């Protein structure tokens, strides 16, 4: 039987919120599933960063 994940409470809460799963499910999730979900989350975050407004310090292209 697998042991609960060895992560801090703060990390568990943040991951549960981002992955939209109950914290109880997260703590007993198999590592390979958690890593897969984290990879999917990481892939979706750079796309959101690309659509962000340009920084005010950078000149806008003409």
N, C-alpha and C. Protein backbone atom coordinates (compact mmCIF):
# COMPACT_ATOMS: atom_id res chain seq x y z
N UNK A 1 0.85 -1.19 0.00
CA UNK A 1 0.00 0.00 0.00
C UNK A 1 0.88 1.23 0.00
N UNK A 2 0.49 2.24 -0.76
CA UNK A 2 1.31 3.44 -0.86
C UNK A 2 1.10 4.34 0.35
N UNK A 3 2.13 5.07 0.67
CA UNK A 3 2.08 6.01 1.78
C UNK A 3 1.56 7.35 1.27
N UNK A 4 1.03 8.18 2.18
CA UNK A 4 0.65 9.54 1.76
C UNK A 4 1.86 10.29 1.23
N UNK A 5 1.64 11.23 0.36
CA UNK A 5 2.73 12.01 -0.23
C UNK A 5 3.49 12.77 0.85
N UNK A 6 4.78 12.89 0.67
CA UNK A 6 5.63 13.61 1.61
C UNK A 6 5.79 15.06 1.15
N UNK A 7 4.72 15.83 1.29
CA UNK A 7 4.75 17.25 0.94
C UNK A 7 4.20 18.04 2.11
N UNK A 8 4.56 19.31 2.16
CA UNK A 8 4.10 20.15 3.26
C UNK A 8 2.61 20.43 3.13
N UNK A 9 2.01 20.84 4.23
CA UNK A 9 0.58 21.15 4.23
C UNK A 9 0.27 22.31 3.28
N UNK A 10 1.14 23.32 3.27
CA UNK A 10 0.94 24.47 2.38
C UNK A 10 0.97 24.04 0.92
N UNK A 11 1.93 23.20 0.58
CA UNK A 11 2.05 22.72 -0.79
C UNK A 11 0.83 21.89 -1.17
N UNK A 12 0.38 21.05 -0.26
CA UNK A 12 -0.79 20.21 -0.52
C UNK A 12 -2.03 21.06 -0.78
N UNK A 13 -2.22 22.10 0.01
CA UNK A 13 -3.39 22.96 -0.16
C UNK A 13 -3.33 23.67 -1.51
N UNK A 14 -2.15 24.20 -1.87
CA UNK A 14 -2.01 24.91 -3.14
C UNK A 14 -2.23 23.97 -4.32
N UNK A 15 -1.65 22.77 -4.25
CA UNK A 15 -1.82 21.80 -5.33
C UNK A 15 -3.28 21.38 -5.46
N UNK A 16 -3.93 21.13 -4.34
CA UNK A 16 -5.34 20.72 -4.37
C UNK A 16 -6.20 21.79 -5.04
N UNK A 17 -5.92 23.06 -4.72
CA UNK A 17 -6.68 24.15 -5.33
C UNK A 17 -6.42 24.23 -6.83
N UNK A 18 -5.15 24.14 -7.23
CA UNK A 18 -4.82 24.27 -8.65
C UNK A 18 -5.30 23.08 -9.46
N UNK A 19 -5.24 21.89 -8.88
CA UNK A 19 -5.67 20.69 -9.61
C UNK A 19 -7.17 20.44 -9.48
N UNK A 20 -7.81 21.23 -8.62
CA UNK A 20 -9.26 21.12 -8.39
C UNK A 20 -9.66 19.72 -7.92
N UNK A 21 -8.92 19.23 -6.92
CA UNK A 21 -9.24 17.95 -6.30
C UNK A 21 -9.26 18.15 -4.78
N UNK A 22 -10.07 17.37 -4.07
CA UNK A 22 -10.06 17.48 -2.61
C UNK A 22 -8.68 17.11 -2.06
N UNK A 23 -8.29 17.77 -0.99
CA UNK A 23 -6.96 17.54 -0.43
C UNK A 23 -6.77 16.09 0.01
N UNK A 24 -7.85 15.45 0.46
CA UNK A 24 -7.76 14.04 0.87
C UNK A 24 -7.39 13.15 -0.32
N UNK A 25 -7.96 13.47 -1.48
CA UNK A 25 -7.64 12.70 -2.69
C UNK A 25 -6.20 12.95 -3.11
N UNK A 26 -5.79 14.20 -3.00
CA UNK A 26 -4.42 14.55 -3.39
C UNK A 26 -3.40 13.80 -2.55
N UNK A 27 -3.61 13.74 -1.26
CA UNK A 27 -2.63 13.12 -0.36
C UNK A 27 -2.50 11.61 -0.58
N UNK A 28 -3.52 10.98 -1.12
CA UNK A 28 -3.47 9.54 -1.35
C UNK A 28 -3.38 9.19 -2.84
N UNK A 29 -3.15 10.21 -3.66
CA UNK A 29 -3.02 10.01 -5.11
C UNK A 29 -1.68 9.33 -5.40
N UNK A 30 -1.66 8.34 -6.27
CA UNK A 30 -0.38 7.73 -6.66
C UNK A 30 0.56 8.78 -7.27
N UNK A 31 1.84 8.62 -6.98
CA UNK A 31 2.82 9.62 -7.43
C UNK A 31 2.80 9.82 -8.94
N UNK A 32 2.70 8.72 -9.70
CA UNK A 32 2.75 8.88 -11.15
C UNK A 32 1.54 9.66 -11.68
N UNK A 33 0.40 9.52 -11.03
CA UNK A 33 -0.79 10.28 -11.43
C UNK A 33 -0.59 11.75 -11.08
N UNK A 34 -0.09 12.02 -9.88
CA UNK A 34 0.15 13.39 -9.46
C UNK A 34 1.16 14.08 -10.38
N UNK A 35 2.23 13.38 -10.72
CA UNK A 35 3.23 13.96 -11.62
C UNK A 35 2.64 14.25 -13.00
N UNK A 36 1.77 13.38 -13.47
CA UNK A 36 1.12 13.59 -14.76
C UNK A 36 0.23 14.84 -14.70
N UNK A 37 -0.54 14.97 -13.63
CA UNK A 37 -1.43 16.13 -13.48
C UNK A 37 -0.63 17.43 -13.35
N UNK A 38 0.50 17.35 -12.63
CA UNK A 38 1.35 18.53 -12.47
C UNK A 38 1.97 18.94 -13.81
N UNK A 39 2.33 17.96 -14.63
CA UNK A 39 2.88 18.25 -15.96
C UNK A 39 1.82 18.93 -16.83
N UNK A 40 0.59 18.45 -16.77
CA UNK A 40 -0.49 19.05 -17.54
C UNK A 40 -0.73 20.49 -17.08
N UNK A 41 -0.67 20.70 -15.76
CA UNK A 41 -0.85 22.04 -15.20
C UNK A 41 0.27 22.96 -15.66
N UNK A 42 1.49 22.47 -15.67
CA UNK A 42 2.64 23.27 -16.09
C UNK A 42 2.53 23.64 -17.57
N UNK A 43 2.00 22.75 -18.38
CA UNK A 43 1.83 23.04 -19.81
C UNK A 43 0.81 24.14 -20.02
N UNK A 44 -0.23 24.17 -19.21
CA UNK A 44 -1.29 25.16 -19.38
C UNK A 44 -0.89 26.53 -18.84
N UNK A 45 0.02 26.61 -17.89
CA UNK A 45 0.40 27.90 -17.32
C UNK A 45 1.20 28.78 -18.27
N UNK A 46 2.19 28.28 -19.03
CA UNK A 46 2.90 29.17 -19.95
C UNK A 46 1.98 29.77 -21.01
N UNK A 47 0.95 29.05 -21.42
CA UNK A 47 0.00 29.58 -22.39
C UNK A 47 -0.72 30.79 -21.81
N UNK A 48 -1.06 30.73 -20.54
CA UNK A 48 -1.73 31.85 -19.90
C UNK A 48 -0.77 33.03 -19.79
N UNK A 49 0.50 32.78 -19.56
CA UNK A 49 1.49 33.84 -19.45
C UNK A 49 1.70 34.52 -20.80
N UNK A 50 1.59 33.77 -21.90
CA UNK A 50 1.78 34.33 -23.23
C UNK A 50 0.68 35.32 -23.58
N UNK A 51 -0.50 35.14 -23.04
CA UNK A 51 -1.62 36.01 -23.37
C UNK A 51 -1.70 37.20 -22.43
N UNK A 52 -0.77 37.32 -21.48
CA UNK A 52 -0.77 38.44 -20.54
C UNK A 52 -0.44 39.73 -21.27
N UNK A 53 -0.86 40.84 -20.67
CA UNK A 53 -0.57 42.14 -21.27
C UNK A 53 0.93 42.40 -21.22
N UNK A 54 1.46 43.12 -22.20
CA UNK A 54 2.89 43.43 -22.17
C UNK A 54 3.22 44.32 -20.99
N UNK A 55 4.42 44.18 -20.50
CA UNK A 55 4.90 44.98 -19.38
C UNK A 55 4.97 46.45 -19.81
N UNK A 56 4.63 47.36 -18.91
CA UNK A 56 4.64 48.78 -19.24
C UNK A 56 6.04 49.27 -19.56
N UNK A 57 7.07 48.62 -19.03
CA UNK A 57 8.45 49.05 -19.28
C UNK A 57 8.93 48.66 -20.66
N UNK A 58 8.26 47.72 -21.31
CA UNK A 58 8.66 47.29 -22.65
C UNK A 58 7.92 48.13 -23.68
N UNK A 59 8.63 48.60 -24.71
CA UNK A 59 7.93 49.37 -25.76
C UNK A 59 7.03 48.46 -26.58
N UNK A 60 5.89 48.99 -26.97
CA UNK A 60 4.95 48.20 -27.77
C UNK A 60 5.43 48.17 -29.21
N UNK A 61 5.30 47.01 -29.87
CA UNK A 61 5.71 46.93 -31.28
C UNK A 61 4.78 47.77 -32.14
N UNK A 62 5.34 48.36 -33.20
CA UNK A 62 4.54 49.23 -34.10
C UNK A 62 4.26 48.54 -35.40
